[in-house]
Each structure stands twice: as structure tokens, then as C-alpha cells.
Amino acid sequence: MKLHKRILNQDWAQAAVTALAAAYLRFVRLTGRWELRGWDNLQKLVDEGKPVILCFWHGRLIANIFGWPRGLALYQLSTAHRDGQLAGKTYQRLGVTPVWLDKNKPTEATRKLVKIIKSGGIGAITPDGPKGPRQRMQMGAIDLARLAGGAYLIPVSNSATRVKVLNSWDRLQFPLPFARGVFALGAPVEVPRKASDEELESIRQHLEDTLNTMTRALDAECGQETPEPGPSLPAPQAAPEPTS
């Protein structure tokens, strides 16, 4: 393992890096102008006590924090490998609570997040993560919604006039200071607890199309080029039956 990777595995190094990263994001938010659209799509469900999960592409992960109101709890599924820990701990400093996903015990994180969502917490997931294909909706968010008793999935996207697009699998947008940006929430989609496989696939395709349409529109408004989605996913297998 390379030296910098060994260093970043240390708690003290992660604490220093995430503190600097959080400070940078606060500076970007302070110097930018961020517009929030579609908040009523979420607020109505929160007021009615409905279970809610936000869905956004992995490549738009960073700037989502700029549209999230301070003081409102958000629980985000985060991978426990080094890069995932750095991202999750950075967002934790900004008010987002990570729910750590251990690849050796994946069901534990799922059960924890389901419990949080059922009790009124707002969940968040990147449905094309953690490794893609880019901008292709996988079934994880839909299965999570079913397990949470039929939660609502809300598509979320963002873009900004000043970003650095990284050459990563997700073409991650890295926000820059002094930008104008938009954070948008789309119409919620209910996932029936006892939906058929055909209904679930229809929901999956609808959400994928909606997220890509939202992202292209926001990028066009902000003068950015939207990456092409990755290869289409194979036909999904039947989803597990939800537990009571």
C-alpha cells in the first residue's frame, strides 16, 4: 500500500482531511448563490409523517449539502472503505449522519436505515453507487423503500456554474467558490410494499429517466455538459419480500 493511503487510514489523518474538506465546502456555500427548488415535494411528505428516501446520482454527491437546510436531520448510506469514510465523515461535520455500509455485513446497515426511515428520519442513497454504472438506477433504493413499509423516493439533482469535473467513474462534479447553483427535488414516487416485479421495474426506469432528465436540464441551465450514462443494467432479478 502506498504511503499516502496508509496515512489516510489513520484516524488522525482522516480527522484533519475531513475538517479541511468541510471548511472548504462551507466556504463554497458562503461565497455561492444556491437556489432551492421543489422543496414542497419533500415538506408535504414530512408533514404527513410519510417515510422518505432521497435519491441522487453519485456524481452529484458533493453539492447536495448546499441545498439541505441546516437543522434538518438527514441519514445517508455511506460505504466504510477509506474514500467512503472520508466523504461520510466530511458530511457528518456538515450535519449529515452517515449510516455505514460494511461489505461483510451489508444487511446490518440496511436494517438500521430502515428503522430510521420508519421512525420518521429522512434517508438518502446514491442508486448508481458505489461503483456504477454511472447514472443507472439500481434496485437498492427501491428494495429499501419496500422494506421501510412502502416509502416515497424523491429524485434529487444539482448543478453549478463553476465546477471541476473529475475523471472518475461517476464524473464527480467538484464545486468551486463564487458559483451560482441549483438544488432541485423532483416529484415523489411511492414504492408499494407489495408491488410486482413489473411494477418495480417500471418505477426503476421512471426514476432513472427522471434523474437523468433533471440533471441534463440543470446542467444546461448552468452551462455544464452532462456525462453520458454508463452501460444499461441487465434485467433485474426478483426483489426480496419485505419483512414486517
C-alpha atoms as a PDB file:
ATOM      1  CA  MET A   1       0.000   0.000   0.000  1.00  0.00           C
ATOM      2  CA  LYS A   2       1.293   3.456  -0.917  1.00  0.00           C
ATOM      3  CA  LEU A   3       2.383   5.788   1.877  1.00  0.00           C
ATOM      4  CA  HIS A   4      -0.415   8.348   1.405  1.00  0.00           C
ATOM      5  CA  LYS A   5      -3.021   5.590   1.514  1.00  0.00           C
ATOM      6  CA  ARG A   6      -1.559   4.200   4.735  1.00  0.00           C
ATOM      7  CA  ILE A   7      -1.625   7.682   6.248  1.00  0.00           C
ATOM      8  CA  LEU A   8      -5.258   8.232   5.216  1.00  0.00           C
ATOM      9  CA  ASN A   9      -6.224   5.043   7.009  1.00  0.00           C
ATOM     10  CA  GLN A  10      -5.214   6.663  10.304  1.00  0.00           C
ATOM     11  CA  ASP A  11      -7.897   8.309  12.431  1.00  0.00           C
ATOM     12  CA  TRP A  12      -5.850  11.491  12.990  1.00  0.00           C
ATOM     13  CA  ALA A  13      -5.280  11.926   9.243  1.00  0.00           C
ATOM     14  CA  GLN A  14      -8.960  11.384   8.444  1.00  0.00           C
ATOM     15  CA  ALA A  15      -9.909  13.912  11.109  1.00  0.00           C
ATOM     16  CA  ALA A  16      -7.574  16.523   9.596  1.00  0.00           C
ATOM     17  CA  VAL A  17      -8.632  15.884   5.994  1.00  0.00           C
ATOM     18  CA  THR A  18     -12.350  15.910   6.730  1.00  0.00           C
ATOM     19  CA  ALA A  19     -12.047  19.105   8.792  1.00  0.00           C
ATOM     20  CA  LEU A  20     -10.330  20.841   5.867  1.00  0.00           C
ATOM     21  CA  ALA A  21     -12.835  19.444   3.370  1.00  0.00           C
ATOM     22  CA  ALA A  22     -15.792  20.592   5.476  1.00  0.00           C
ATOM     23  CA  ALA A  23     -14.234  24.060   5.844  1.00  0.00           C
ATOM     24  CA  TYR A  24     -13.812  24.267   2.066  1.00  0.00           C
ATOM     25  CA  LEU A  25     -17.442  23.285   1.441  1.00  0.00           C
ATOM     26  CA  ARG A  26     -18.620  25.888   3.946  1.00  0.00           C
ATOM     27  CA  PHE A  27     -16.576  28.478   2.049  1.00  0.00           C
ATOM     28  CA  VAL A  28     -18.082  27.364  -1.286  1.00  0.00           C
ATOM     29  CA  ARG A  29     -21.582  27.589   0.131  1.00  0.00           C
ATOM     30  CA  LEU A  30     -20.886  31.001   1.706  1.00  0.00           C
ATOM     31  CA  THR A  31     -19.467  32.525  -1.492  1.00  0.00           C
ATOM     32  CA  GLY A  32     -22.027  30.991  -3.848  1.00  0.00           C
ATOM     33  CA  ARG A  33     -25.678  31.625  -4.653  1.00  0.00           C
ATOM     34  CA  TRP A  34     -27.649  28.400  -4.305  1.00  0.00           C
ATOM     35  CA  GLU A  35     -31.284  28.177  -5.343  1.00  0.00           C
ATOM     36  CA  LEU A  36     -33.555  25.531  -3.821  1.00  0.00           C
ATOM     37  CA  ARG A  37     -36.404  24.205  -5.969  1.00  0.00           C
ATOM     38  CA  GLY A  38     -39.157  21.710  -5.305  1.00  0.00           C
ATOM     39  CA  TRP A  39     -38.887  21.693  -1.525  1.00  0.00           C
ATOM     40  CA  ASP A  40     -42.661  21.299  -1.235  1.00  0.00           C
ATOM     41  CA  ASN A  41     -42.270  17.816  -2.742  1.00  0.00           C
ATOM     42  CA  LEU A  42     -40.462  16.786   0.442  1.00  0.00           C
ATOM     43  CA  GLN A  43     -42.104  19.039   3.042  1.00  0.00           C
ATOM     44  CA  LYS A  44     -45.598  17.728   2.313  1.00  0.00           C
ATOM     45  CA  LEU A  45     -44.496  14.134   2.964  1.00  0.00           C
ATOM     46  CA  VAL A  46     -42.631  15.141   6.134  1.00  0.00           C
ATOM     47  CA  ASP A  47     -45.713  16.981   7.436  1.00  0.00           C
ATOM     48  CA  GLU A  48     -47.836  13.871   6.776  1.00  0.00           C
ATOM     49  CA  GLY A  49     -45.335  11.585   8.520  1.00  0.00           C
ATOM     50  CA  LYS A  50     -44.591   9.580   5.363  1.00  0.00           C
ATOM     51  CA  PRO A  51     -41.338   7.600   5.033  1.00  0.00           C
ATOM     52  CA  VAL A  52     -38.962   9.313   2.591  1.00  0.00           C
ATOM     53  CA  ILE A  53     -35.732   8.411   0.792  1.00  0.00           C
ATOM     54  CA  LEU A  54     -33.795  10.896  -1.357  1.00  0.00           C
ATOM     55  CA  CYS A  55     -32.115   9.525  -4.491  1.00  0.00           C
ATOM     56  CA  PHE A  56     -29.293  11.323  -6.330  1.00  0.00           C
ATOM     57  CA  TRP A  57     -26.529  10.277  -8.687  1.00  0.00           C
ATOM     58  CA  HIS A  58     -23.118   9.597  -7.172  1.00  0.00           C
ATOM     59  CA  GLY A  59     -21.577  12.255  -9.398  1.00  0.00           C
ATOM     60  CA  ARG A  60     -23.733  14.954  -7.726  1.00  0.00           C
ATOM     61  CA  LEU A  61     -22.987  13.846  -4.182  1.00  0.00           C
ATOM     62  CA  ILE A  62     -20.847  16.777  -3.052  1.00  0.00           C
ATOM     63  CA  ALA A  63     -23.012  19.810  -3.811  1.00  0.00           C
ATOM     64  CA  ASN A  64     -26.203  18.316  -2.382  1.00  0.00           C
ATOM     65  CA  ILE A  65     -25.218  19.684   1.014  1.00  0.00           C
ATOM     66  CA  PHE A  66     -25.671  23.241  -0.297  1.00  0.00           C
ATOM     67  CA  GLY A  67     -29.391  22.744  -0.745  1.00  0.00           C
ATOM     68  CA  TRP A  68     -30.047  20.983   2.535  1.00  0.00           C
ATOM     69  CA  PRO A  69     -31.433  23.188   5.335  1.00  0.00           C
ATOM     70  CA  ARG A  70     -29.381  23.341   8.498  1.00  0.00           C
ATOM     71  CA  GLY A  71     -31.012  21.643  11.449  1.00  0.00           C
ATOM     72  CA  LEU A  72     -32.981  19.026   9.462  1.00  0.00           C
ATOM     73  CA  ALA A  73     -31.570  15.539  10.062  1.00  0.00           C
ATOM     74  CA  LEU A  74     -30.525  13.504   7.021  1.00  0.00           C
ATOM     75  CA  TYR A  75     -29.242   9.926   7.162  1.00  0.00           C
ATOM     76  CA  GLN A  76     -27.054   8.917   4.247  1.00  0.00           C
ATOM     77  CA  LEU A  77     -25.918   5.415   3.383  1.00  0.00           C
ATOM     78  CA  SER A  78     -22.099   5.510   3.179  1.00  0.00           C
ATOM     79  CA  THR A  79     -19.543   2.843   2.359  1.00  0.00           C
ATOM     80  CA  ALA A  80     -16.972   2.034   5.026  1.00  0.00           C
ATOM     81  CA  HIS A  81     -13.899   1.860   2.768  1.00  0.00           C
ATOM     82  CA  ARG A  82     -11.348   4.676   3.000  1.00  0.00           C
ATOM     83  CA  ASP A  83     -12.813   7.054   0.398  1.00  0.00           C
ATOM     84  CA  GLY A  84     -16.326   6.427   1.686  1.00  0.00           C
ATOM     85  CA  GLN A  85     -15.221   7.167   5.246  1.00  0.00           C
ATOM     86  CA  LEU A  86     -13.606  10.444   4.179  1.00  0.00           C
ATOM     87  CA  ALA A  87     -16.771  11.536   2.383  1.00  0.00           C
ATOM     88  CA  GLY A  88     -19.086  10.352   5.153  1.00  0.00           C
ATOM     89  CA  LYS A  89     -17.074  11.989   7.938  1.00  0.00           C
ATOM     90  CA  THR A  90     -16.879  15.238   5.977  1.00  0.00           C
ATOM     91  CA  TYR A  91     -20.651  15.320   5.614  1.00  0.00           C
ATOM     92  CA  GLN A  92     -21.027  14.412   9.268  1.00  0.00           C
ATOM     93  CA  ARG A  93     -19.263  17.682  10.092  1.00  0.00           C
ATOM     94  CA  LEU A  94     -21.890  19.442   7.966  1.00  0.00           C
ATOM     95  CA  GLY A  95     -24.890  17.884   9.686  1.00  0.00           C
ATOM     96  CA  VAL A  96     -25.486  14.665   7.719  1.00  0.00           C
ATOM     97  CA  THR A  97     -25.438  11.410   9.686  1.00  0.00           C
ATOM     98  CA  PRO A  98     -23.715   8.543   7.844  1.00  0.00           C
ATOM     99  CA  VAL A  99     -25.095   5.015   8.091  1.00  0.00           C
ATOM    100  CA  TRP A 100     -22.018   2.890   7.469  1.00  0.00           C
ATOM    101  CA  LEU A 101     -22.305   0.056   4.975  1.00  0.00           C
ATOM    102  CA  ASP A 102     -19.918  -2.803   5.743  1.00  0.00           C
ATOM    103  CA  LYS A 103     -19.458  -5.013   2.685  1.00  0.00           C
ATOM    104  CA  ASN A 104     -19.091  -8.019   5.006  1.00  0.00           C
ATOM    105  CA  LYS A 105     -22.351  -7.229   6.831  1.00  0.00           C
ATOM    106  CA  PRO A 106     -24.481  -5.272   4.337  1.00  0.00           C
ATOM    107  CA  THR A 107     -27.820  -6.193   5.897  1.00  0.00           C
ATOM    108  CA  GLU A 108     -26.940  -4.501   9.205  1.00  0.00           C
ATOM    109  CA  ALA A 109     -26.765  -1.044   7.596  1.00  0.00           C
ATOM    110  CA  THR A 110     -29.962  -1.741   5.673  1.00  0.00           C
ATOM    111  CA  ARG A 111     -31.830  -2.735   8.824  1.00  0.00           C
ATOM    112  CA  LYS A 112     -30.556   0.345  10.646  1.00  0.00           C
ATOM    113  CA  LEU A 113     -31.569   2.711   7.849  1.00  0.00           C
ATOM    114  CA  VAL A 114     -34.988   1.047   7.505  1.00  0.00           C
ATOM    115  CA  LYS A 115     -35.574   1.581  11.221  1.00  0.00           C
ATOM    116  CA  ILE A 116     -34.564   5.242  10.914  1.00  0.00           C
ATOM    117  CA  ILE A 117     -36.859   5.829   7.944  1.00  0.00           C
ATOM    118  CA  LYS A 118     -39.805   4.090   9.603  1.00  0.00           C
ATOM    119  CA  SER A 119     -39.355   6.311  12.664  1.00  0.00           C
ATOM    120  CA  GLY A 120     -39.537   9.487  10.568  1.00  0.00           C
ATOM    121  CA  GLY A 121     -35.907  10.076   9.612  1.00  0.00           C
ATOM    122  CA  ILE A 122     -35.111  11.111   6.035  1.00  0.00           C
ATOM    123  CA  GLY A 123     -32.850   8.635   4.243  1.00  0.00           C
ATOM    124  CA  ALA A 124     -30.502   9.286   1.327  1.00  0.00           C
ATOM    125  CA  ILE A 125     -28.882   6.932  -1.162  1.00  0.00           C
ATOM    126  CA  THR A 126     -26.931   7.095  -4.426  1.00  0.00           C
ATOM    127  CA  PRO A 127     -28.744   4.484  -6.551  1.00  0.00           C
ATOM    128  CA  ASP A 128     -25.879   4.178  -9.054  1.00  0.00           C
ATOM    129  CA  GLY A 129     -23.212   3.779  -6.367  1.00  0.00           C
ATOM    130  CA  PRO A 130     -20.809   2.888  -5.089  1.00  0.00           C
ATOM    131  CA  LYS A 131     -19.218   1.789  -8.384  1.00  0.00           C
ATOM    132  CA  GLY A 132     -21.760   2.286 -11.145  1.00  0.00           C
ATOM    133  CA  PRO A 133     -22.678   2.049 -13.921  1.00  0.00           C
ATOM    134  CA  ARG A 134     -22.913   5.841 -13.895  1.00  0.00           C
ATOM    135  CA  GLN A 135     -26.429   7.303 -13.860  1.00  0.00           C
ATOM    136  CA  ARG A 136     -28.131   3.919 -13.964  1.00  0.00           C
ATOM    137  CA  MET A 137     -30.753   3.240 -11.307  1.00  0.00           C
ATOM    138  CA  GLN A 138     -30.086   0.039  -9.409  1.00  0.00           C
ATOM    139  CA  MET A 139     -32.704  -1.727  -7.307  1.00  0.00           C
ATOM    140  CA  GLY A 140     -31.156  -0.947  -3.912  1.00  0.00           C
ATOM    141  CA  ALA A 141     -33.178   2.213  -3.241  1.00  0.00           C
ATOM    142  CA  ILE A 142     -36.392   0.539  -4.391  1.00  0.00           C
ATOM    143  CA  ASP A 143     -35.835  -2.502  -2.185  1.00  0.00           C
ATOM    144  CA  LEU A 144     -35.034  -0.186   0.713  1.00  0.00           C
ATOM    145  CA  ALA A 145     -38.296   1.687   0.163  1.00  0.00           C
ATOM    146  CA  ARG A 146     -40.280  -1.566   0.228  1.00  0.00           C
ATOM    147  CA  LEU A 147     -38.569  -2.750   3.387  1.00  0.00           C
ATOM    148  CA  ALA A 148     -39.401   0.595   5.007  1.00  0.00           C
ATOM    149  CA  GLY A 149     -43.082  -0.166   4.561  1.00  0.00           C
ATOM    150  CA  GLY A 150     -43.645   1.490   1.203  1.00  0.00           C
ATOM    151  CA  ALA A 151     -41.563   4.656   1.341  1.00  0.00           C
ATOM    152  CA  TYR A 152     -41.546   7.516  -1.160  1.00  0.00           C
ATOM    153  CA  LEU A 153     -38.458   8.027  -3.333  1.00  0.00           C
ATOM    154  CA  ILE A 154     -37.652  11.637  -4.255  1.00  0.00           C
ATOM    155  CA  PRO A 155     -35.252  12.272  -7.159  1.00  0.00           C
ATOM    156  CA  VAL A 156     -32.681  14.974  -6.367  1.00  0.00           C
ATOM    157  CA  SER A 157     -30.084  16.661  -8.549  1.00  0.00           C
ATOM    158  CA  ASN A 158     -27.919  19.759  -8.691  1.00  0.00           C
ATOM    159  CA  SER A 159     -25.549  21.707 -10.894  1.00  0.00           C
ATOM    160  CA  ALA A 160     -23.497  24.893 -10.712  1.00  0.00           C
ATOM    161  CA  THR A 161     -21.825  27.404 -12.996  1.00  0.00           C
ATOM    162  CA  ARG A 162     -18.337  26.752 -11.592  1.00  0.00           C
ATOM    163  CA  VAL A 163     -17.303  23.130 -11.088  1.00  0.00           C
ATOM    164  CA  LYS A 164     -14.378  20.821 -11.711  1.00  0.00           C
ATOM    165  CA  VAL A 165     -15.468  17.519 -13.245  1.00  0.00           C
ATOM    166  CA  LEU A 166     -13.219  14.720 -12.019  1.00  0.00           C
ATOM    167  CA  ASN A 167     -12.133  11.881 -14.293  1.00  0.00           C
ATOM    168  CA  SER A 168     -13.722   9.278 -12.034  1.00  0.00           C
ATOM    169  CA  TRP A 169     -16.241   6.580 -12.974  1.00  0.00           C
ATOM    170  CA  ASP A 170     -19.113   8.862 -11.870  1.00  0.00           C
ATOM    171  CA  ARG A 171     -17.673  12.089 -13.412  1.00  0.00           C
ATOM    172  CA  LEU A 172     -17.960  13.686  -9.995  1.00  0.00           C
ATOM    173  CA  GLN A 173     -18.770  17.406 -10.004  1.00  0.00           C
ATOM    174  CA  PHE A 174     -16.456  19.182  -7.564  1.00  0.00           C
ATOM    175  CA  PRO A 175     -17.975  22.606  -6.724  1.00  0.00           C
ATOM    176  CA  LEU A 176     -15.867  25.765  -6.835  1.00  0.00           C
ATOM    177  CA  PRO A 177     -16.314  29.048  -4.942  1.00  0.00           C
ATOM    178  CA  PHE A 178     -18.298  32.030  -6.254  1.00  0.00           C
ATOM    179  CA  ALA A 179     -20.699  29.888  -8.270  1.00  0.00           C
ATOM    180  CA  ARG A 180     -24.402  30.077  -8.958  1.00  0.00           C
ATOM    181  CA  GLY A 181     -26.006  26.710  -8.358  1.00  0.00           C
ATOM    182  CA  VAL A 182     -29.356  24.958  -8.235  1.00  0.00           C
ATOM    183  CA  PHE A 183     -30.520  22.154  -5.926  1.00  0.00           C
ATOM    184  CA  ALA A 184     -33.774  20.565  -7.113  1.00  0.00           C
ATOM    185  CA  LEU A 185     -36.165  17.952  -5.729  1.00  0.00           C
ATOM    186  CA  GLY A 186     -38.498  16.185  -8.131  1.00  0.00           C
ATOM    187  CA  ALA A 187     -41.931  14.683  -7.641  1.00  0.00           C
ATOM    188  CA  PRO A 188     -42.040  11.809  -5.111  1.00  0.00           C
ATOM    189  CA  VAL A 189     -42.654   8.256  -6.299  1.00  0.00           C
ATOM    190  CA  GLU A 190     -44.343   5.815  -3.943  1.00  0.00           C
ATOM    191  CA  VAL A 191     -42.980   2.274  -3.881  1.00  0.00           C
ATOM    192  CA  PRO A 192     -45.854  -0.051  -2.918  1.00  0.00           C
ATOM    193  CA  ARG A 193     -44.840  -2.620  -0.355  1.00  0.00           C
ATOM    194  CA  LYS A 194     -46.351  -5.467  -2.384  1.00  0.00           C
ATOM    195  CA  ALA A 195     -45.573  -4.255  -5.900  1.00  0.00           C
ATOM    196  CA  SER A 196     -44.998  -6.835  -8.624  1.00  0.00           C
ATOM    197  CA  ASP A 197     -41.643  -7.259 -10.343  1.00  0.00           C
ATOM    198  CA  GLU A 198     -43.067  -5.487 -13.408  1.00  0.00           C
ATOM    199  CA  GLU A 199     -44.230  -2.535 -11.298  1.00  0.00           C
ATOM    200  CA  LEU A 200     -40.851  -2.287  -9.584  1.00  0.00           C
ATOM    201  CA  GLU A 201     -39.034  -2.280 -12.916  1.00  0.00           C
ATOM    202  CA  SER A 202     -41.367   0.455 -14.156  1.00  0.00           C
ATOM    203  CA  ILE A 203     -40.563   2.521 -11.045  1.00  0.00           C
ATOM    204  CA  ARG A 204     -36.841   1.908 -11.518  1.00  0.00           C
ATOM    205  CA  GLN A 205     -36.905   3.039 -15.143  1.00  0.00           C
ATOM    206  CA  HIS A 206     -39.075   6.062 -14.337  1.00  0.00           C
ATOM    207  CA  LEU A 207     -36.704   7.239 -11.606  1.00  0.00           C
ATOM    208  CA  GLU A 208     -33.641   6.698 -13.794  1.00  0.00           C
ATOM    209  CA  ASP A 209     -35.191   8.690 -16.622  1.00  0.00           C
ATOM    210  CA  THR A 210     -36.362  11.415 -14.236  1.00  0.00           C
ATOM    211  CA  LEU A 211     -32.964  11.827 -12.605  1.00  0.00           C
ATOM    212  CA  ASN A 212     -31.205  11.993 -15.963  1.00  0.00           C
ATOM    213  CA  THR A 213     -33.731  14.489 -17.341  1.00  0.00           C
ATOM    214  CA  MET A 214     -33.408  16.693 -14.229  1.00  0.00           C
ATOM    215  CA  THR A 215     -29.617  16.551 -14.368  1.00  0.00           C
ATOM    216  CA  ARG A 216     -29.427  17.434 -18.062  1.00  0.00           C
ATOM    217  CA  ALA A 217     -31.789  20.372 -17.572  1.00  0.00           C
ATOM    218  CA  LEU A 218     -29.838  21.768 -14.597  1.00  0.00           C
ATOM    219  CA  ASP A 219     -26.510  21.310 -16.390  1.00  0.00           C
ATOM    220  CA  ALA A 220     -27.831  23.116 -19.469  1.00  0.00           C
ATOM    221  CA  GLU A 221     -29.013  25.991 -17.273  1.00  0.00           C
ATOM    222  CA  CYS A 222     -25.603  26.241 -15.591  1.00  0.00           C
ATOM    223  CA  GLY A 223     -23.560  25.819 -18.774  1.00  0.00           C
ATOM    224  CA  GLN A 224     -22.248  22.342 -17.940  1.00  0.00           C
ATOM    225  CA  GLU A 225     -22.018  19.230 -20.100  1.00  0.00           C
ATOM    226  CA  THR A 226     -23.853  16.208 -18.706  1.00  0.00           C
ATOM    227  CA  PRO A 227     -21.905  12.929 -18.821  1.00  0.00           C
ATOM    228  CA  GLU A 228     -23.466  10.110 -20.781  1.00  0.00           C
ATOM    229  CA  PRO A 229     -24.910   7.332 -18.597  1.00  0.00           C
ATOM    230  CA  GLY A 230     -22.953   4.112 -18.303  1.00  0.00           C
ATOM    231  CA  PRO A 231     -23.977   0.807 -19.899  1.00  0.00           C
ATOM    232  CA  SER A 232     -27.561  -0.264 -19.272  1.00  0.00           C
ATOM    233  CA  LEU A 233     -28.099  -2.648 -16.406  1.00  0.00           C
ATOM    234  CA  PRO A 234     -29.125  -6.238 -17.054  1.00  0.00           C
ATOM    235  CA  ALA A 235     -32.717  -7.193 -16.352  1.00  0.00           C
ATOM    236  CA  PRO A 236     -33.175  -7.166 -12.543  1.00  0.00           C
ATOM    237  CA  GLN A 237     -33.902 -10.310 -10.585  1.00  0.00           C
ATOM    238  CA  ALA A 238     -36.926 -10.584  -8.376  1.00  0.00           C
ATOM    239  CA  ALA A 239     -36.642  -8.370  -5.281  1.00  0.00           C
ATOM    240  CA  PRO A 240     -36.745  -9.945  -1.800  1.00  0.00           C
ATOM    241  CA  GLU A 241     -40.046  -9.971   0.003  1.00  0.00           C
ATOM    242  CA  PRO A 242     -40.239  -7.216   2.662  1.00  0.00           C
ATOM    243  CA  THR A 243     -40.320  -8.231   6.285  1.00  0.00           C
ATOM    244  CA  SER A 244     -42.956  -6.996   8.647  1.00  0.00           C
END
